[in-house]
Amino acid sequence: MATITKTRTFSIPDFCKRYRLVRGDITRMTQYSPRAVAKWVAGDKPSAAAEKQLKELVRLFDALSEVMETTYVGEWLKAANPAFDNSTPLQVIERGEADRIWHMIYRLQTGEPV
């Protein structure tokens, strides 16, 4: 488990189960190797940079679960989306454009058209 805060720990298997993801999705979103992710699953502490990235993923996915069913997030992540020029949200995250997803969440929460 990777420590995310002093009081909260992050478990990749639990995160994947909650959002219906596979470990490969984590490697794609973080740009870390499958081997690195496997080490985190085994209990190795990620680097400070990786831990920061994992915290941001948790924050993003928590926000997504406020605008859609938690169990639907994984499916949504892998579906082409016209709001992202028919890229999947996973591809958007891979390209380092998670701010586009944050903007979409904001618009959904405030009732602005997406």
C-alpha atoms as a PDB file:
ATOM      1  CA  MET A   1       0.000   0.000   0.000  1.00  0.00           C
ATOM      2  CA  ALA A   2       1.142   3.492  -0.753  1.00  0.00           C
ATOM      3  CA  THR A   3       0.643   6.092   1.922  1.00  0.00           C
ATOM      4  CA  ILE A   4      -1.452   8.906   0.498  1.00  0.00           C
ATOM      5  CA  THR A   5      -1.826  10.962   3.665  1.00  0.00           C
ATOM      6  CA  LYS A   6      -0.795  10.393   7.226  1.00  0.00           C
ATOM      7  CA  THR A   7      -4.241   9.022   8.008  1.00  0.00           C
ATOM      8  CA  ARG A   8      -5.311   7.481   4.699  1.00  0.00           C
ATOM      9  CA  THR A   9      -3.648   4.692   2.744  1.00  0.00           C
ATOM     10  CA  PHE A  10      -4.121   3.904  -0.899  1.00  0.00           C
ATOM     11  CA  SER A  11      -4.533   0.375  -2.172  1.00  0.00           C
ATOM     12  CA  ILE A  12      -4.303  -0.084  -5.933  1.00  0.00           C
ATOM     13  CA  PRO A  13      -6.383  -3.294  -5.841  1.00  0.00           C
ATOM     14  CA  ASP A  14      -9.102  -1.544  -3.801  1.00  0.00           C
ATOM     15  CA  PHE A  15      -9.009   1.489  -6.097  1.00  0.00           C
ATOM     16  CA  CYS A  16      -9.299  -0.746  -9.179  1.00  0.00           C
ATOM     17  CA  LYS A  17     -12.151  -2.719  -7.643  1.00  0.00           C
ATOM     18  CA  ARG A  18     -14.035   0.408  -6.598  1.00  0.00           C
ATOM     19  CA  TYR A  19     -13.844   2.024 -10.037  1.00  0.00           C
ATOM     20  CA  ARG A  20     -13.788  -1.183 -12.109  1.00  0.00           C
ATOM     21  CA  LEU A  21     -10.305  -0.650 -13.466  1.00  0.00           C
ATOM     22  CA  VAL A  22      -7.444  -3.005 -14.195  1.00  0.00           C
ATOM     23  CA  ARG A  23      -3.855  -2.512 -13.137  1.00  0.00           C
ATOM     24  CA  GLY A  24      -2.946  -1.622 -16.731  1.00  0.00           C
ATOM     25  CA  ASP A  25      -5.226   1.403 -16.483  1.00  0.00           C
ATOM     26  CA  ILE A  26      -3.119   2.628 -13.550  1.00  0.00           C
ATOM     27  CA  THR A  27       0.073   2.223 -15.580  1.00  0.00           C
ATOM     28  CA  ARG A  28      -1.465   4.178 -18.451  1.00  0.00           C
ATOM     29  CA  MET A  29      -2.750   7.003 -16.256  1.00  0.00           C
ATOM     30  CA  THR A  30       0.455   7.356 -14.241  1.00  0.00           C
ATOM     31  CA  GLN A  31       2.893   6.607 -17.076  1.00  0.00           C
ATOM     32  CA  TYR A  32       4.786   4.310 -14.699  1.00  0.00           C
ATOM     33  CA  SER A  33       5.792   0.828 -15.797  1.00  0.00           C
ATOM     34  CA  PRO A  34       3.732  -2.261 -15.030  1.00  0.00           C
ATOM     35  CA  ARG A  35       6.673  -3.394 -12.914  1.00  0.00           C
ATOM     36  CA  ALA A  36       6.575  -0.226 -10.792  1.00  0.00           C
ATOM     37  CA  VAL A  37       2.829  -0.565 -10.269  1.00  0.00           C
ATOM     38  CA  ALA A  38       3.280  -4.243  -9.343  1.00  0.00           C
ATOM     39  CA  LYS A  39       5.853  -3.188  -6.721  1.00  0.00           C
ATOM     40  CA  TRP A  40       3.369  -0.704  -5.242  1.00  0.00           C
ATOM     41  CA  VAL A  41       0.746  -3.444  -5.105  1.00  0.00           C
ATOM     42  CA  ALA A  42       3.302  -5.646  -3.320  1.00  0.00           C
ATOM     43  CA  GLY A  43       3.835  -2.943  -0.690  1.00  0.00           C
ATOM     44  CA  ASP A  44       6.745  -0.854  -1.952  1.00  0.00           C
ATOM     45  CA  LYS A  45       6.346   2.852  -1.317  1.00  0.00           C
ATOM     46  CA  PRO A  46       6.159   4.891  -4.525  1.00  0.00           C
ATOM     47  CA  SER A  47       8.477   7.819  -5.086  1.00  0.00           C
ATOM     48  CA  ALA A  48       7.293  11.246  -3.972  1.00  0.00           C
ATOM     49  CA  ALA A  49       6.431  12.120  -7.591  1.00  0.00           C
ATOM     50  CA  ALA A  50       4.447   8.900  -8.056  1.00  0.00           C
ATOM     51  CA  GLU A  51       2.672   9.376  -4.740  1.00  0.00           C
ATOM     52  CA  LYS A  52       1.675  12.895  -5.772  1.00  0.00           C
ATOM     53  CA  GLN A  53       0.293  11.517  -9.036  1.00  0.00           C
ATOM     54  CA  LEU A  54      -1.645   8.795  -7.223  1.00  0.00           C
ATOM     55  CA  LYS A  55      -3.131  11.399  -4.865  1.00  0.00           C
ATOM     56  CA  GLU A  56      -4.296  13.406  -7.854  1.00  0.00           C
ATOM     57  CA  LEU A  57      -5.898  10.307  -9.397  1.00  0.00           C
ATOM     58  CA  VAL A  58      -7.738   9.600  -6.152  1.00  0.00           C
ATOM     59  CA  ARG A  59      -8.962  13.206  -6.057  1.00  0.00           C
ATOM     60  CA  LEU A  60     -10.085  13.068  -9.697  1.00  0.00           C
ATOM     61  CA  PHE A  61     -11.886   9.754  -9.309  1.00  0.00           C
ATOM     62  CA  ASP A  62     -13.560  10.887  -6.095  1.00  0.00           C
ATOM     63  CA  ALA A  63     -14.852  13.922  -8.009  1.00  0.00           C
ATOM     64  CA  LEU A  64     -16.031  11.722 -10.885  1.00  0.00           C
ATOM     65  CA  SER A  65     -17.947   9.550  -8.436  1.00  0.00           C
ATOM     66  CA  GLU A  66     -19.852  12.669  -7.377  1.00  0.00           C
ATOM     67  CA  VAL A  67     -21.240  13.146 -10.908  1.00  0.00           C
ATOM     68  CA  MET A  68     -21.768   9.488 -11.884  1.00  0.00           C
ATOM     69  CA  GLU A  69     -22.155   6.104 -10.264  1.00  0.00           C
ATOM     70  CA  THR A  70     -18.825   4.919  -8.890  1.00  0.00           C
ATOM     71  CA  THR A  71     -19.147   1.557 -10.632  1.00  0.00           C
ATOM     72  CA  TYR A  72     -19.605   3.310 -13.992  1.00  0.00           C
ATOM     73  CA  VAL A  73     -16.372   5.343 -13.844  1.00  0.00           C
ATOM     74  CA  GLY A  74     -14.175   2.591 -15.322  1.00  0.00           C
ATOM     75  CA  GLU A  75     -16.517   2.042 -18.255  1.00  0.00           C
ATOM     76  CA  TRP A  76     -16.832   5.793 -18.860  1.00  0.00           C
ATOM     77  CA  LEU A  77     -13.049   6.146 -18.733  1.00  0.00           C
ATOM     78  CA  LYS A  78     -12.638   3.798 -21.713  1.00  0.00           C
ATOM     79  CA  ALA A  79     -15.473   5.059 -23.919  1.00  0.00           C
ATOM     80  CA  ALA A  80     -14.908   7.595 -26.698  1.00  0.00           C
ATOM     81  CA  ASN A  81     -16.362  10.910 -25.603  1.00  0.00           C
ATOM     82  CA  PRO A  82     -17.437  13.727 -27.940  1.00  0.00           C
ATOM     83  CA  ALA A  83     -16.607  16.235 -25.182  1.00  0.00           C
ATOM     84  CA  PHE A  84     -12.972  15.197 -25.661  1.00  0.00           C
ATOM     85  CA  ASP A  85     -12.981  15.153 -29.482  1.00  0.00           C
ATOM     86  CA  ASN A  86     -13.883  11.438 -29.378  1.00  0.00           C
ATOM     87  CA  SER A  87     -10.834  10.566 -27.297  1.00  0.00           C
ATOM     88  CA  THR A  88     -11.472   8.409 -24.275  1.00  0.00           C
ATOM     89  CA  PRO A  89     -11.048  10.070 -20.882  1.00  0.00           C
ATOM     90  CA  LEU A  90      -8.223   7.565 -20.291  1.00  0.00           C
ATOM     91  CA  GLN A  91      -6.416   8.944 -23.355  1.00  0.00           C
ATOM     92  CA  VAL A  92      -7.026  12.479 -22.099  1.00  0.00           C
ATOM     93  CA  ILE A  93      -5.374  11.593 -18.773  1.00  0.00           C
ATOM     94  CA  GLU A  94      -2.501   9.824 -20.575  1.00  0.00           C
ATOM     95  CA  ARG A  95      -1.806  12.996 -22.545  1.00  0.00           C
ATOM     96  CA  GLY A  96      -1.570  14.973 -19.320  1.00  0.00           C
ATOM     97  CA  GLU A  97      -4.831  16.818 -19.983  1.00  0.00           C
ATOM     98  CA  ALA A  98      -6.746  15.860 -16.839  1.00  0.00           C
ATOM     99  CA  ASP A  99      -7.682  19.532 -16.505  1.00  0.00           C
ATOM    100  CA  ARG A 100     -10.170  18.925 -19.340  1.00  0.00           C
ATOM    101  CA  ILE A 101     -11.900  16.328 -17.177  1.00  0.00           C
ATOM    102  CA  TRP A 102     -11.857  18.681 -14.187  1.00  0.00           C
ATOM    103  CA  HIS A 103     -13.484  21.327 -16.378  1.00  0.00           C
ATOM    104  CA  MET A 104     -16.164  18.842 -17.435  1.00  0.00           C
ATOM    105  CA  ILE A 105     -16.823  17.922 -13.784  1.00  0.00           C
ATOM    106  CA  TYR A 106     -17.137  21.604 -12.884  1.00  0.00           C
ATOM    107  CA  ARG A 107     -19.602  22.186 -15.704  1.00  0.00           C
ATOM    108  CA  LEU A 108     -21.696  19.188 -14.675  1.00  0.00           C
ATOM    109  CA  GLN A 109     -21.738  20.281 -11.041  1.00  0.00           C
ATOM    110  CA  THR A 110     -22.735  23.851 -11.901  1.00  0.00           C
ATOM    111  CA  GLY A 111     -25.277  22.903 -14.546  1.00  0.00           C
ATOM    112  CA  GLU A 112     -23.395  24.480 -17.443  1.00  0.00           C
ATOM    113  CA  PRO A 113     -23.819  22.694 -20.784  1.00  0.00           C
ATOM    114  CA  VAL A 114     -20.999  20.271 -21.490  1.00  0.00           C
END
